[in-house]
Amino acid sequence: MDIKYLKGVGEKRAEAFSKIGINTLDDFLNFIPRAYINKN
């Protein structure tokens, strides 16, 4: 399933996800960020 068809994800957000390699629902569920921002 293409990520742009998920509720809350439109064309612009799907384009942003595509830039980091997330194009399908499976890509989204298996995505593990490499770094986190600590806001303490």
PDB file of N, CA and C in Angstrom:
ATOM      1  N   MET A   1       0.845  -1.183   0.000  1.00  0.00           N
ATOM      2  CA  MET A   1       0.000   0.000   0.000  1.00  0.00           C
ATOM      3  C   MET A   1       0.887   1.242   0.000  1.00  0.00           C
ATOM      4  N   ASP A   2       0.575   2.159  -0.866  1.00  0.00           N
ATOM      5  CA  ASP A   2       1.318   3.409  -0.948  1.00  0.00           C
ATOM      6  C   ASP A   2       1.009   4.267   0.275  1.00  0.00           C
ATOM      7  N   ILE A   3       2.016   4.911   0.833  1.00  0.00           N
ATOM      8  CA  ILE A   3       1.867   5.661   2.080  1.00  0.00           C
ATOM      9  C   ILE A   3       0.933   6.862   1.953  1.00  0.00           C
ATOM     10  N   LYS A   4       0.791   7.429   0.758  1.00  0.00           N
ATOM     11  CA  LYS A   4      -0.046   8.623   0.610  1.00  0.00           C
ATOM     12  C   LYS A   4      -1.529   8.330   0.789  1.00  0.00           C
ATOM     13  N   TYR A   5      -1.925   7.062   0.786  1.00  0.00           N
ATOM     14  CA  TYR A   5      -3.325   6.704   0.971  1.00  0.00           C
ATOM     15  C   TYR A   5      -3.705   6.497   2.430  1.00  0.00           C
ATOM     16  N   LEU A   6      -2.749   6.604   3.342  1.00  0.00           N
ATOM     17  CA  LEU A   6      -3.054   6.502   4.764  1.00  0.00           C
ATOM     18  C   LEU A   6      -3.725   7.779   5.247  1.00  0.00           C
ATOM     19  N   LYS A   7      -4.616   7.645   6.214  1.00  0.00           N
ATOM     20  CA  LYS A   7      -5.303   8.816   6.767  1.00  0.00           C
ATOM     21  C   LYS A   7      -4.278   9.730   7.429  1.00  0.00           C
ATOM     22  N   GLY A   8      -4.326  11.006   7.109  1.00  0.00           N
ATOM     23  CA  GLY A   8      -3.412  11.975   7.685  1.00  0.00           C
ATOM     24  C   GLY A   8      -2.144  12.195   6.882  1.00  0.00           C
ATOM     25  N   VAL A   9      -1.949  11.407   5.844  1.00  0.00           N
ATOM     26  CA  VAL A   9      -0.777  11.553   4.981  1.00  0.00           C
ATOM     27  C   VAL A   9      -1.263  11.984   3.609  1.00  0.00           C
ATOM     28  N   GLY A  10      -0.901  13.175   3.220  1.00  0.00           N
ATOM     29  CA  GLY A  10      -1.285  13.677   1.906  1.00  0.00           C
ATOM     30  C   GLY A  10      -0.119  13.654   0.945  1.00  0.00           C
ATOM     31  N   GLU A  11      -0.250  14.390  -0.119  1.00  0.00           N
ATOM     32  CA  GLU A  11       0.792  14.425  -1.148  1.00  0.00           C
ATOM     33  C   GLU A  11       2.102  15.007  -0.624  1.00  0.00           C
ATOM     34  N   LYS A  12       2.016  16.125   0.106  1.00  0.00           N
ATOM     35  CA  LYS A  12       3.244  16.787   0.579  1.00  0.00           C
ATOM     36  C   LYS A  12       3.970  15.942   1.615  1.00  0.00           C
ATOM     37  N   ARG A  13       3.235  15.350   2.558  1.00  0.00           N
ATOM     38  CA  ARG A  13       3.877  14.525   3.579  1.00  0.00           C
ATOM     39  C   ARG A  13       4.431  13.246   2.962  1.00  0.00           C
ATOM     40  N   ALA A  14       3.732  12.690   1.988  1.00  0.00           N
ATOM     41  CA  ALA A  14       4.228  11.498   1.291  1.00  0.00           C
ATOM     42  C   ALA A  14       5.528  11.821   0.553  1.00  0.00           C
ATOM     43  N   GLU A  15       5.607  13.017   0.004  1.00  0.00           N
ATOM     44  CA  GLU A  15       6.837  13.441  -0.671  1.00  0.00           C
ATOM     45  C   GLU A  15       7.990  13.568   0.326  1.00  0.00           C
ATOM     46  N   ALA A  16       7.713  14.088   1.520  1.00  0.00           N
ATOM     47  CA  ALA A  16       8.750  14.203   2.555  1.00  0.00           C
ATOM     48  C   ALA A  16       9.204  12.817   3.018  1.00  0.00           C
ATOM     49  N   PHE A  17       8.265  11.891   3.189  1.00  0.00           N
ATOM     50  CA  PHE A  17       8.626  10.522   3.558  1.00  0.00           C
ATOM     51  C   PHE A  17       9.462   9.871   2.458  1.00  0.00           C
ATOM     52  N   SER A  18       9.127  10.155   1.225  1.00  0.00           N
ATOM     53  CA  SER A  18       9.849   9.573   0.108  1.00  0.00           C
ATOM     54  C   SER A  18      11.320   9.998   0.103  1.00  0.00           C
ATOM     55  N   LYS A  19      11.590  11.212   0.544  1.00  0.00           N
ATOM     56  CA  LYS A  19      12.976  11.700   0.591  1.00  0.00           C
ATOM     57  C   LYS A  19      13.845  10.914   1.557  1.00  0.00           C
ATOM     58  N   ILE A  20      13.229  10.305   2.584  1.00  0.00           N
ATOM     59  CA  ILE A  20      14.014   9.500   3.530  1.00  0.00           C
ATOM     60  C   ILE A  20      13.842   8.005   3.288  1.00  0.00           C
ATOM     61  N   GLY A  21      13.220   7.658   2.160  1.00  0.00           N
ATOM     62  CA  GLY A  21      13.145   6.259   1.754  1.00  0.00           C
ATOM     63  C   GLY A  21      11.907   5.510   2.206  1.00  0.00           C
ATOM     64  N   ILE A  22      10.871   6.216   2.637  1.00  0.00           N
ATOM     65  CA  ILE A  22       9.636   5.566   3.068  1.00  0.00           C
ATOM     66  C   ILE A  22       8.579   5.776   1.990  1.00  0.00           C
ATOM     67  N   ASN A  23       8.250   4.697   1.271  1.00  0.00           N
ATOM     68  CA  ASN A  23       7.294   4.786   0.175  1.00  0.00           C
ATOM     69  C   ASN A  23       6.057   3.916   0.387  1.00  0.00           C
ATOM     70  N   THR A  24       6.178   2.899   1.221  1.00  0.00           N
ATOM     71  CA  THR A  24       5.056   1.987   1.447  1.00  0.00           C
ATOM     72  C   THR A  24       4.781   1.871   2.941  1.00  0.00           C
ATOM     73  N   LEU A  25       3.648   1.277   3.273  1.00  0.00           N
ATOM     74  CA  LEU A  25       3.301   1.062   4.672  1.00  0.00           C
ATOM     75  C   LEU A  25       4.335   0.169   5.346  1.00  0.00           C
ATOM     76  N   ASP A  26       4.834  -0.826   4.645  1.00  0.00           N
ATOM     77  CA  ASP A  26       5.856  -1.712   5.197  1.00  0.00           C
ATOM     78  C   ASP A  26       7.141  -0.943   5.512  1.00  0.00           C
ATOM     79  N   ASP A  27       7.537  -0.035   4.628  1.00  0.00           N
ATOM     80  CA  ASP A  27       8.715   0.806   4.884  1.00  0.00           C
ATOM     81  C   ASP A  27       8.517   1.625   6.155  1.00  0.00           C
ATOM     82  N   PHE A  28       7.308   2.180   6.320  1.00  0.00           N
ATOM     83  CA  PHE A  28       6.999   3.016   7.474  1.00  0.00           C
ATOM     84  C   PHE A  28       7.063   2.213   8.770  1.00  0.00           C
ATOM     85  N   LEU A  29       6.503   1.012   8.769  1.00  0.00           N
ATOM     86  CA  LEU A  29       6.476   0.194   9.980  1.00  0.00           C
ATOM     87  C   LEU A  29       7.852  -0.339  10.355  1.00  0.00           C
ATOM     88  N   ASN A  30       8.730  -0.505   9.388  1.00  0.00           N
ATOM     89  CA  ASN A  30      10.064  -1.043   9.655  1.00  0.00           C
ATOM     90  C   ASN A  30      11.140   0.034   9.758  1.00  0.00           C
ATOM     91  N   PHE A  31      10.752   1.298   9.723  1.00  0.00           N
ATOM     92  CA  PHE A  31      11.714   2.390   9.791  1.00  0.00           C
ATOM     93  C   PHE A  31      12.199   2.577  11.218  1.00  0.00           C
ATOM     94  N   ILE A  32      13.519   2.580  11.396  1.00  0.00           N
ATOM     95  CA  ILE A  32      14.133   2.819  12.696  1.00  0.00           C
ATOM     96  C   ILE A  32      15.058   4.025  12.542  1.00  0.00           C
ATOM     97  N   PRO A  33      14.763   5.133  13.243  1.00  0.00           N
ATOM     98  CA  PRO A  33      15.614   6.327  13.119  1.00  0.00           C
ATOM     99  C   PRO A  33      17.036   6.046  13.611  1.00  0.00           C
ATOM    100  N   ARG A  34      17.997   6.697  12.997  1.00  0.00           N
ATOM    101  CA  ARG A  34      19.401   6.523  13.404  1.00  0.00           C
ATOM    102  C   ARG A  34      19.771   7.400  14.578  1.00  0.00           C
ATOM    103  N   ALA A  35      19.081   8.509  14.780  1.00  0.00           N
ATOM    104  CA  ALA A  35      19.426   9.435  15.859  1.00  0.00           C
ATOM    105  C   ALA A  35      18.154  10.050  16.443  1.00  0.00           C
ATOM    106  N   TYR A  36      18.255  10.483  17.671  1.00  0.00           N
ATOM    107  CA  TYR A  36      17.148  11.117  18.354  1.00  0.00           C
ATOM    108  C   TYR A  36      17.593  12.484  18.854  1.00  0.00           C
ATOM    109  N   ILE A  37      16.654  13.417  19.000  1.00  0.00           N
ATOM    110  CA  ILE A  37      16.945  14.727  19.547  1.00  0.00           C
ATOM    111  C   ILE A  37      16.507  14.752  20.999  1.00  0.00           C
ATOM    112  N   ASN A  38      17.437  14.989  21.895  1.00  0.00           N
ATOM    113  CA  ASN A  38      17.124  15.066  23.311  1.00  0.00           C
ATOM    114  C   ASN A  38      16.780  16.512  23.648  1.00  0.00           C
ATOM    115  N   LYS A  39      15.553  16.772  24.042  1.00  0.00           N
ATOM    116  CA  LYS A  39      15.099  18.142  24.289  1.00  0.00           C
ATOM    117  C   LYS A  39      15.055  18.473  25.779  1.00  0.00           C
ATOM    118  N   ASN A  40      15.938  17.894  26.556  1.00  0.00           N
ATOM    119  CA  ASN A  40      15.992  18.193  28.003  1.00  0.00           C
ATOM    120  C   ASN A  40      16.735  19.464  28.277  1.00  0.00           C
TER     121      ASN A  40
END
